Amino acid sequence: MLEHNSPYGYCPICGNPGLERERCPNGHDQCQLQHKYLSSDAVSFDSALKIKVLNKLFENNGKMIDELAQSLREEPEDWID
């Protein structure tokens, strides 16, 4: 489960907690998955949960799209009348 207390906020890419922060103006944060992003782009816990849910949905949809594309490549005559 996602930690509710992250001192550097959460990654806007994957929703994981920020682990490191550069100590300079316009610095970057880095999350558990090594994504780098501007400190000012870090998101709240609520937004991180939404990002995690959306990433999971897209991951599942991506698998379904890959399977569909594969079936269309294997048997294209079945779906064209």
PDB file of N, CA and C in Angstrom:
ATOM      1  N   MET A   1       0.843  -1.194   0.000  1.00  0.00           N
ATOM      2  CA  MET A   1       0.000   0.000   0.000  1.00  0.00           C
ATOM      3  C   MET A   1       0.877   1.242   0.000  1.00  0.00           C
ATOM      4  N   LEU A   2       0.340   2.311  -0.472  1.00  0.00           N
ATOM      5  CA  LEU A   2       1.051   3.578  -0.572  1.00  0.00           C
ATOM      6  C   LEU A   2       1.189   4.236   0.793  1.00  0.00           C
ATOM      7  N   GLU A   3       2.406   4.672   1.098  1.00  0.00           N
ATOM      8  CA  GLU A   3       2.653   5.376   2.363  1.00  0.00           C
ATOM      9  C   GLU A   3       1.928   6.720   2.344  1.00  0.00           C
ATOM     10  N   HIS A   4       1.309   7.067   3.460  1.00  0.00           N
ATOM     11  CA  HIS A   4       0.558   8.324   3.512  1.00  0.00           C
ATOM     12  C   HIS A   4       1.435   9.512   3.905  1.00  0.00           C
ATOM     13  N   ASN A   5       2.632   9.256   4.397  1.00  0.00           N
ATOM     14  CA  ASN A   5       3.492  10.338   4.859  1.00  0.00           C
ATOM     15  C   ASN A   5       4.799  10.342   4.073  1.00  0.00           C
ATOM     16  N   SER A   6       4.887  11.175   3.055  1.00  0.00           N
ATOM     17  CA  SER A   6       6.102  11.300   2.255  1.00  0.00           C
ATOM     18  C   SER A   6       6.557  12.757   2.308  1.00  0.00           C
ATOM     19  N   PRO A   7       7.716  13.035   2.889  1.00  0.00           N
ATOM     20  CA  PRO A   7       8.156  14.424   3.055  1.00  0.00           C
ATOM     21  C   PRO A   7       8.385  15.172   1.737  1.00  0.00           C
ATOM     22  N   TYR A   8       8.631  14.433   0.665  1.00  0.00           N
ATOM     23  CA  TYR A   8       8.877  15.079  -0.628  1.00  0.00           C
ATOM     24  C   TYR A   8       7.709  14.935  -1.593  1.00  0.00           C
ATOM     25  N   GLY A   9       6.565  14.549  -1.089  1.00  0.00           N
ATOM     26  CA  GLY A   9       5.410  14.374  -1.968  1.00  0.00           C
ATOM     27  C   GLY A   9       5.541  13.089  -2.760  1.00  0.00           C
ATOM     28  N   TYR A  10       4.834  13.031  -3.878  1.00  0.00           N
ATOM     29  CA  TYR A  10       4.755  11.808  -4.672  1.00  0.00           C
ATOM     30  C   TYR A  10       5.059  12.095  -6.135  1.00  0.00           C
ATOM     31  N   CYS A  11       5.541  11.067  -6.815  1.00  0.00           N
ATOM     32  CA  CYS A  11       5.938  11.174  -8.220  1.00  0.00           C
ATOM     33  C   CYS A  11       4.719  11.422  -9.110  1.00  0.00           C
ATOM     34  N   PRO A  12       4.787  12.415 -10.002  1.00  0.00           N
ATOM     35  CA  PRO A  12       3.666  12.674 -10.905  1.00  0.00           C
ATOM     36  C   PRO A  12       3.589  11.663 -12.054  1.00  0.00           C
ATOM     37  N   ILE A  13       4.579  10.792 -12.165  1.00  0.00           N
ATOM     38  CA  ILE A  13       4.611   9.795 -13.235  1.00  0.00           C
ATOM     39  C   ILE A  13       3.990   8.475 -12.772  1.00  0.00           C
ATOM     40  N   CYS A  14       4.445   7.989 -11.599  1.00  0.00           N
ATOM     41  CA  CYS A  14       3.992   6.669 -11.129  1.00  0.00           C
ATOM     42  C   CYS A  14       3.232   6.711  -9.814  1.00  0.00           C
ATOM     43  N   GLY A  15       3.285   7.828  -9.088  1.00  0.00           N
ATOM     44  CA  GLY A  15       2.571   7.938  -7.825  1.00  0.00           C
ATOM     45  C   GLY A  15       3.326   7.424  -6.617  1.00  0.00           C
ATOM     46  N   ASN A  16       4.558   6.953  -6.794  1.00  0.00           N
ATOM     47  CA  ASN A  16       5.350   6.470  -5.661  1.00  0.00           C
ATOM     48  C   ASN A  16       5.935   7.643  -4.878  1.00  0.00           C
ATOM     49  N   PRO A  17       6.260   7.409  -3.601  1.00  0.00           N
ATOM     50  CA  PRO A  17       6.829   8.483  -2.778  1.00  0.00           C
ATOM     51  C   PRO A  17       8.165   8.996  -3.328  1.00  0.00           C
ATOM     52  N   GLY A  18       8.365  10.302  -3.190  1.00  0.00           N
ATOM     53  CA  GLY A  18       9.656  10.876  -3.520  1.00  0.00           C
ATOM     54  C   GLY A  18      10.656  10.520  -2.433  1.00  0.00           C
ATOM     55  N   LEU A  19      11.856  10.100  -2.819  1.00  0.00           N
ATOM     56  CA  LEU A  19      12.863   9.676  -1.849  1.00  0.00           C
ATOM     57  C   LEU A  19      14.008  10.667  -1.697  1.00  0.00           C
ATOM     58  N   GLU A  20      14.310  11.382  -2.762  1.00  0.00           N
ATOM     59  CA  GLU A  20      15.441  12.309  -2.742  1.00  0.00           C
ATOM     60  C   GLU A  20      15.021  13.649  -3.325  1.00  0.00           C
ATOM     61  N   ARG A  21      15.647  14.704  -2.824  1.00  0.00           N
ATOM     62  CA  ARG A  21      15.365  16.046  -3.340  1.00  0.00           C
ATOM     63  C   ARG A  21      16.678  16.803  -3.463  1.00  0.00           C
ATOM     64  N   GLU A  22      16.905  17.392  -4.638  1.00  0.00           N
ATOM     65  CA  GLU A  22      18.072  18.246  -4.829  1.00  0.00           C
ATOM     66  C   GLU A  22      17.870  19.523  -4.027  1.00  0.00           C
ATOM     67  N   ARG A  23      18.901  19.976  -3.382  1.00  0.00           N
ATOM     68  CA  ARG A  23      18.830  21.183  -2.548  1.00  0.00           C
ATOM     69  C   ARG A  23      19.311  22.397  -3.344  1.00  0.00           C
ATOM     70  N   CYS A  24      18.548  22.758  -4.359  1.00  0.00           N
ATOM     71  CA  CYS A  24      18.877  23.944  -5.158  1.00  0.00           C
ATOM     72  C   CYS A  24      17.585  24.495  -5.756  1.00  0.00           C
ATOM     73  N   PRO A  25      17.592  25.759  -6.156  1.00  0.00           N
ATOM     74  CA  PRO A  25      16.396  26.321  -6.797  1.00  0.00           C
ATOM     75  C   PRO A  25      16.047  25.526  -8.060  1.00  0.00           C
ATOM     76  N   ASN A  26      14.795  25.299  -8.267  1.00  0.00           N
ATOM     77  CA  ASN A  26      14.315  24.527  -9.424  1.00  0.00           C
ATOM     78  C   ASN A  26      14.936  23.135  -9.476  1.00  0.00           C
ATOM     79  N   GLY A  27      15.148  22.535  -8.308  1.00  0.00           N
ATOM     80  CA  GLY A  27      15.759  21.212  -8.230  1.00  0.00           C
ATOM     81  C   GLY A  27      14.786  20.104  -8.598  1.00  0.00           C
ATOM     82  N   HIS A  28      15.308  18.909  -8.587  1.00  0.00           N
ATOM     83  CA  HIS A  28      14.533  17.729  -8.949  1.00  0.00           C
ATOM     84  C   HIS A  28      14.355  16.808  -7.749  1.00  0.00           C
ATOM     85  N   ASP A  29      13.291  16.024  -7.811  1.00  0.00           N
ATOM     86  CA  ASP A  29      13.058  14.933  -6.871  1.00  0.00           C
ATOM     87  C   ASP A  29      13.261  13.634  -7.634  1.00  0.00           C
ATOM     88  N   GLN A  30      13.441  12.569  -6.865  1.00  0.00           N
ATOM     89  CA  GLN A  30      13.532  11.241  -7.468  1.00  0.00           C
ATOM     90  C   GLN A  30      12.700  10.289  -6.621  1.00  0.00           C
ATOM     91  N   CYS A  31      11.919   9.431  -7.289  1.00  0.00           N
ATOM     92  CA  CYS A  31      11.035   8.507  -6.578  1.00  0.00           C
ATOM     93  C   CYS A  31      11.669   7.131  -6.436  1.00  0.00           C
ATOM     94  N   GLN A  32      10.920   6.220  -5.843  1.00  0.00           N
ATOM     95  CA  GLN A  32      11.376   4.845  -5.631  1.00  0.00           C
ATOM     96  C   GLN A  32      11.730   4.139  -6.933  1.00  0.00           C
ATOM     97  N   LEU A  33      11.068   4.496  -8.015  1.00  0.00           N
ATOM     98  CA  LEU A  33      11.329   3.862  -9.313  1.00  0.00           C
ATOM     99  C   LEU A  33      12.336   4.646 -10.151  1.00  0.00           C
ATOM    100  N   GLN A  34      13.016   5.598  -9.521  1.00  0.00           N
ATOM    101  CA  GLN A  34      14.086   6.380 -10.143  1.00  0.00           C
ATOM    102  C   GLN A  34      13.610   7.401 -11.177  1.00  0.00           C
ATOM    103  N   HIS A  35      12.301   7.728 -11.194  1.00  0.00           N
ATOM    104  CA  HIS A  35      11.838   8.814 -12.061  1.00  0.00           C
ATOM    105  C   HIS A  35      12.364  10.129 -11.490  1.00  0.00           C
ATOM    106  N   LYS A  36      12.826  11.017 -12.358  1.00  0.00           N
ATOM    107  CA  LYS A  36      13.260  12.352 -11.930  1.00  0.00           C
ATOM    108  C   LYS A  36      12.254  13.369 -12.441  1.00  0.00           C
ATOM    109  N   TYR A  37      11.885  14.317 -11.588  1.00  0.00           N
ATOM    110  CA  TYR A  37      10.892  15.319 -11.942  1.00  0.00           C
ATOM    111  C   TYR A  37      11.149  16.554 -11.094  1.00  0.00           C
ATOM    112  N   LEU A  38      10.665  17.694 -11.553  1.00  0.00           N
ATOM    113  CA  LEU A  38      10.834  18.929 -10.798  1.00  0.00           C
ATOM    114  C   LEU A  38      10.153  18.812  -9.441  1.00  0.00           C
ATOM    115  N   SER A  39      10.802  19.324  -8.420  1.00  0.00           N
ATOM    116  CA  SER A  39      10.215  19.301  -7.075  1.00  0.00           C
ATOM    117  C   SER A  39       8.841  19.957  -7.069  1.00  0.00           C
ATOM    118  N   SER A  40       8.692  21.004  -7.870  1.00  0.00           N
ATOM    119  CA  SER A  40       7.411  21.718  -7.933  1.00  0.00           C
ATOM    120  C   SER A  40       6.313  20.880  -8.593  1.00  0.00           C
ATOM    121  N   ASP A  41       6.676  19.792  -9.281  1.00  0.00           N
ATOM    122  CA  ASP A  41       5.694  18.921  -9.925  1.00  0.00           C
ATOM    123  C   ASP A  41       5.261  17.756  -9.035  1.00  0.00           C
ATOM    124  N   ALA A  42       5.866  17.617  -7.857  1.00  0.00           N
ATOM    125  CA  ALA A  42       5.463  16.542  -6.939  1.00  0.00           C
ATOM    126  C   ALA A  42       3.977  16.701  -6.617  1.00  0.00           C
ATOM    127  N   VAL A  43       3.295  15.569  -6.443  1.00  0.00           N
ATOM    128  CA  VAL A  43       1.847  15.607  -6.229  1.00  0.00           C
ATOM    129  C   VAL A  43       1.487  15.168  -4.814  1.00  0.00           C
ATOM    130  N   SER A  44       0.247  15.416  -4.434  1.00  0.00           N
ATOM    131  CA  SER A  44      -0.269  15.054  -3.105  1.00  0.00           C
ATOM    132  C   SER A  44      -0.570  13.556  -3.033  1.00  0.00           C
ATOM    133  N   PHE A  45      -0.852  13.090  -1.837  1.00  0.00           N
ATOM    134  CA  PHE A  45      -1.211  11.684  -1.619  1.00  0.00           C
ATOM    135  C   PHE A  45      -2.441  11.304  -2.444  1.00  0.00           C
ATOM    136  N   ASP A  46      -3.481  12.142  -2.425  1.00  0.00           N
ATOM    137  CA  ASP A  46      -4.708  11.851  -3.169  1.00  0.00           C
ATOM    138  C   ASP A  46      -4.445  11.742  -4.664  1.00  0.00           C
ATOM    139  N   SER A  47      -3.638  12.658  -5.186  1.00  0.00           N
ATOM    140  CA  SER A  47      -3.296  12.601  -6.609  1.00  0.00           C
ATOM    141  C   SER A  47      -2.462  11.370  -6.927  1.00  0.00           C
ATOM    142  N   ALA A  48      -1.564  10.993  -6.005  1.00  0.00           N
ATOM    143  CA  ALA A  48      -0.735   9.807  -6.209  1.00  0.00           C
ATOM    144  C   ALA A  48      -1.600   8.549  -6.306  1.00  0.00           C
ATOM    145  N   LEU A  49      -2.633   8.465  -5.477  1.00  0.00           N
ATOM    146  CA  LEU A  49      -3.538   7.314  -5.557  1.00  0.00           C
ATOM    147  C   LEU A  49      -4.229   7.257  -6.914  1.00  0.00           C
ATOM    148  N   LYS A  50      -4.669   8.397  -7.410  1.00  0.00           N
ATOM    149  CA  LYS A  50      -5.324   8.442  -8.721  1.00  0.00           C
ATOM    150  C   LYS A  50      -4.353   8.029  -9.823  1.00  0.00           C
ATOM    151  N   ILE A  51      -3.116   8.488  -9.744  1.00  0.00           N
ATOM    152  CA  ILE A  51      -2.104   8.125 -10.742  1.00  0.00           C
ATOM    153  C   ILE A  51      -1.867   6.622 -10.726  1.00  0.00           C
ATOM    154  N   LYS A  52      -1.768   6.039  -9.538  1.00  0.00           N
ATOM    155  CA  LYS A  52      -1.537   4.594  -9.434  1.00  0.00           C
ATOM    156  C   LYS A  52      -2.705   3.811 -10.043  1.00  0.00           C
ATOM    157  N   VAL A  53      -3.936   4.244  -9.779  1.00  0.00           N
ATOM    158  CA  VAL A  53      -5.104   3.562 -10.341  1.00  0.00           C
ATOM    159  C   VAL A  53      -5.107   3.688 -11.861  1.00  0.00           C
ATOM    160  N   LEU A  54      -4.864   4.883 -12.374  1.00  0.00           N
ATOM    161  CA  LEU A  54      -4.848   5.084 -13.825  1.00  0.00           C
ATOM    162  C   LEU A  54      -3.735   4.283 -14.486  1.00  0.00           C
ATOM    163  N   ASN A  55      -2.546   4.256 -13.880  1.00  0.00           N
ATOM    164  CA  ASN A  55      -1.449   3.469 -14.440  1.00  0.00           C
ATOM    165  C   ASN A  55      -1.823   1.991 -14.510  1.00  0.00           C
ATOM    166  N   LYS A  56      -2.501   1.478 -13.472  1.00  0.00           N
ATOM    167  CA  LYS A  56      -2.913   0.079 -13.466  1.00  0.00           C
ATOM    168  C   LYS A  56      -3.945  -0.187 -14.559  1.00  0.00           C
ATOM    169  N   LEU A  57      -4.894   0.725 -14.729  1.00  0.00           N
ATOM    170  CA  LEU A  57      -5.896   0.568 -15.788  1.00  0.00           C
ATOM    171  C   LEU A  57      -5.244   0.562 -17.160  1.00  0.00           C
ATOM    172  N   PHE A  58      -4.318   1.497 -17.389  1.00  0.00           N
ATOM    173  CA  PHE A  58      -3.642   1.553 -18.684  1.00  0.00           C
ATOM    174  C   PHE A  58      -2.784   0.317 -18.908  1.00  0.00           C
ATOM    175  N   GLU A  59      -2.166  -0.183 -17.848  1.00  0.00           N
ATOM    176  CA  GLU A  59      -1.359  -1.408 -17.965  1.00  0.00           C
ATOM    177  C   GLU A  59      -2.245  -2.568 -18.408  1.00  0.00           C
ATOM    178  N   ASN A  60      -3.393  -2.717 -17.760  1.00  0.00           N
ATOM    179  CA  ASN A  60      -4.320  -3.795 -18.121  1.00  0.00           C
ATOM    180  C   ASN A  60      -4.875  -3.604 -19.526  1.00  0.00           C
ATOM    181  N   ASN A  61      -5.230  -2.360 -19.876  1.00  0.00           N
ATOM    182  CA  ASN A  61      -5.744  -2.093 -21.220  1.00  0.00           C
ATOM    183  C   ASN A  61      -4.670  -2.334 -22.265  1.00  0.00           C
ATOM    184  N   GLY A  62      -3.427  -2.005 -21.948  1.00  0.00           N
ATOM    185  CA  GLY A  62      -2.331  -2.234 -22.881  1.00  0.00           C
ATOM    186  C   GLY A  62      -2.171  -3.709 -23.187  1.00  0.00           C
ATOM    187  N   LYS A  63      -2.316  -4.553 -22.174  1.00  0.00           N
ATOM    188  CA  LYS A  63      -2.224  -5.997 -22.379  1.00  0.00           C
ATOM    189  C   LYS A  63      -3.364  -6.472 -23.265  1.00  0.00           C
ATOM    190  N   MET A  64      -4.573  -5.951 -23.025  1.00  0.00           N
ATOM    191  CA  MET A  64      -5.721  -6.357 -23.834  1.00  0.00           C
ATOM    192  C   MET A  64      -5.541  -5.904 -25.282  1.00  0.00           C
ATOM    193  N   ILE A  65      -5.016  -4.691 -25.478  1.00  0.00           N
ATOM    194  CA  ILE A  65      -4.799  -4.181 -26.836  1.00  0.00           C
ATOM    195  C   ILE A  65      -3.748  -5.024 -27.548  1.00  0.00           C
ATOM    196  N   ASP A  66      -2.679  -5.399 -26.835  1.00  0.00           N
ATOM    197  CA  ASP A  66      -1.651  -6.255 -27.432  1.00  0.00           C
ATOM    198  C   ASP A  66      -2.233  -7.601 -27.847  1.00  0.00           C
ATOM    199  N   GLU A  67      -3.071  -8.180 -26.987  1.00  0.00           N
ATOM    200  CA  GLU A  67      -3.695  -9.460 -27.314  1.00  0.00           C
ATOM    201  C   GLU A  67      -4.622  -9.323 -28.518  1.00  0.00           C
ATOM    202  N   LEU A  68      -5.384  -8.248 -28.574  1.00  0.00           N
ATOM    203  CA  LEU A  68      -6.273  -8.004 -29.708  1.00  0.00           C
ATOM    204  C   LEU A  68      -5.474  -7.833 -30.993  1.00  0.00           C
ATOM    205  N   ALA A  69      -4.412  -7.035 -30.926  1.00  0.00           N
ATOM    206  CA  ALA A  69      -3.579  -6.816 -32.116  1.00  0.00           C
ATOM    207  C   ALA A  69      -2.972  -8.127 -32.592  1.00  0.00           C
ATOM    208  N   GLN A  70      -2.523  -8.956 -31.657  1.00  0.00           N
ATOM    209  CA  GLN A  70      -1.945 -10.247 -32.015  1.00  0.00           C
ATOM    210  C   GLN A  70      -2.983 -11.128 -32.699  1.00  0.00           C
ATOM    211  N   SER A  71      -4.197 -11.170 -32.176  1.00  0.00           N
ATOM    212  CA  SER A  71      -5.234 -12.005 -32.786  1.00  0.00           C
ATOM    213  C   SER A  71      -5.606 -11.477 -34.173  1.00  0.00           C
ATOM    214  N   LEU A  72      -5.590 -10.170 -34.349  1.00  0.00           N
ATOM    215  CA  LEU A  72      -5.891  -9.602 -35.667  1.00  0.00           C
ATOM    216  C   LEU A  72      -4.798  -9.937 -36.674  1.00  0.00           C
ATOM    217  N   ARG A  73      -3.560  -9.968 -36.217  1.00  0.00           N
ATOM    218  CA  ARG A  73      -2.459 -10.337 -37.118  1.00  0.00           C
ATOM    219  C   ARG A  73      -2.545 -11.812 -37.506  1.00  0.00           C
ATOM    220  N   GLU A  74      -2.987 -12.641 -36.577  1.00  0.00           N
ATOM    221  CA  GLU A  74      -3.037 -14.086 -36.849  1.00  0.00           C
ATOM    222  C   GLU A  74      -4.215 -14.489 -37.718  1.00  0.00           C
ATOM    223  N   GLU A  75      -5.379 -13.842 -37.524  1.00  0.00           N
ATOM    224  CA  GLU A  75      -6.587 -14.247 -38.255  1.00  0.00           C
ATOM    225  C   GLU A  75      -7.356 -13.032 -38.776  1.00  0.00           C
ATOM    226  N   PRO A  76      -6.743 -12.232 -39.648  1.00  0.00           N
ATOM    227  CA  PRO A  76      -7.433 -11.013 -40.098  1.00  0.00           C
ATOM    228  C   PRO A  76      -8.675 -11.297 -40.928  1.00  0.00           C
ATOM    229  N   GLU A  77      -8.740 -12.433 -41.604  1.00  0.00           N
ATOM    230  CA  GLU A  77      -9.909 -12.731 -42.430  1.00  0.00           C
ATOM    231  C   GLU A  77     -11.170 -12.977 -41.615  1.00  0.00           C
ATOM    232  N   ASP A  78     -11.007 -13.290 -40.333  1.00  0.00           N
ATOM    233  CA  ASP A  78     -12.158 -13.538 -39.474  1.00  0.00           C
ATOM    234  C   ASP A  78     -12.910 -12.268 -39.090  1.00  0.00           C
ATOM    235  N   TRP A  79     -12.276 -11.127 -39.152  1.00  0.00           N
ATOM    236  CA  TRP A  79     -12.959  -9.900 -38.704  1.00  0.00           C
ATOM    237  C   TRP A  79     -13.320  -8.975 -39.856  1.00  0.00           C
ATOM    238  N   ILE A  80     -13.005  -9.388 -41.109  1.00  0.00           N
ATOM    239  CA  ILE A  80     -13.388  -8.579 -42.269  1.00  0.00           C
ATOM    240  C   ILE A  80     -14.396  -9.382 -43.094  1.00  0.00           C
ATOM    241  N   ASP A  81     -15.567  -8.769 -43.332  1.00  0.00           N
ATOM    242  CA  ASP A  81     -16.590  -9.435 -44.147  1.00  0.00           C
ATOM    243  C   ASP A  81     -16.430  -9.070 -45.594  1.00  0.00           C
TER     244      ASP A  81
END
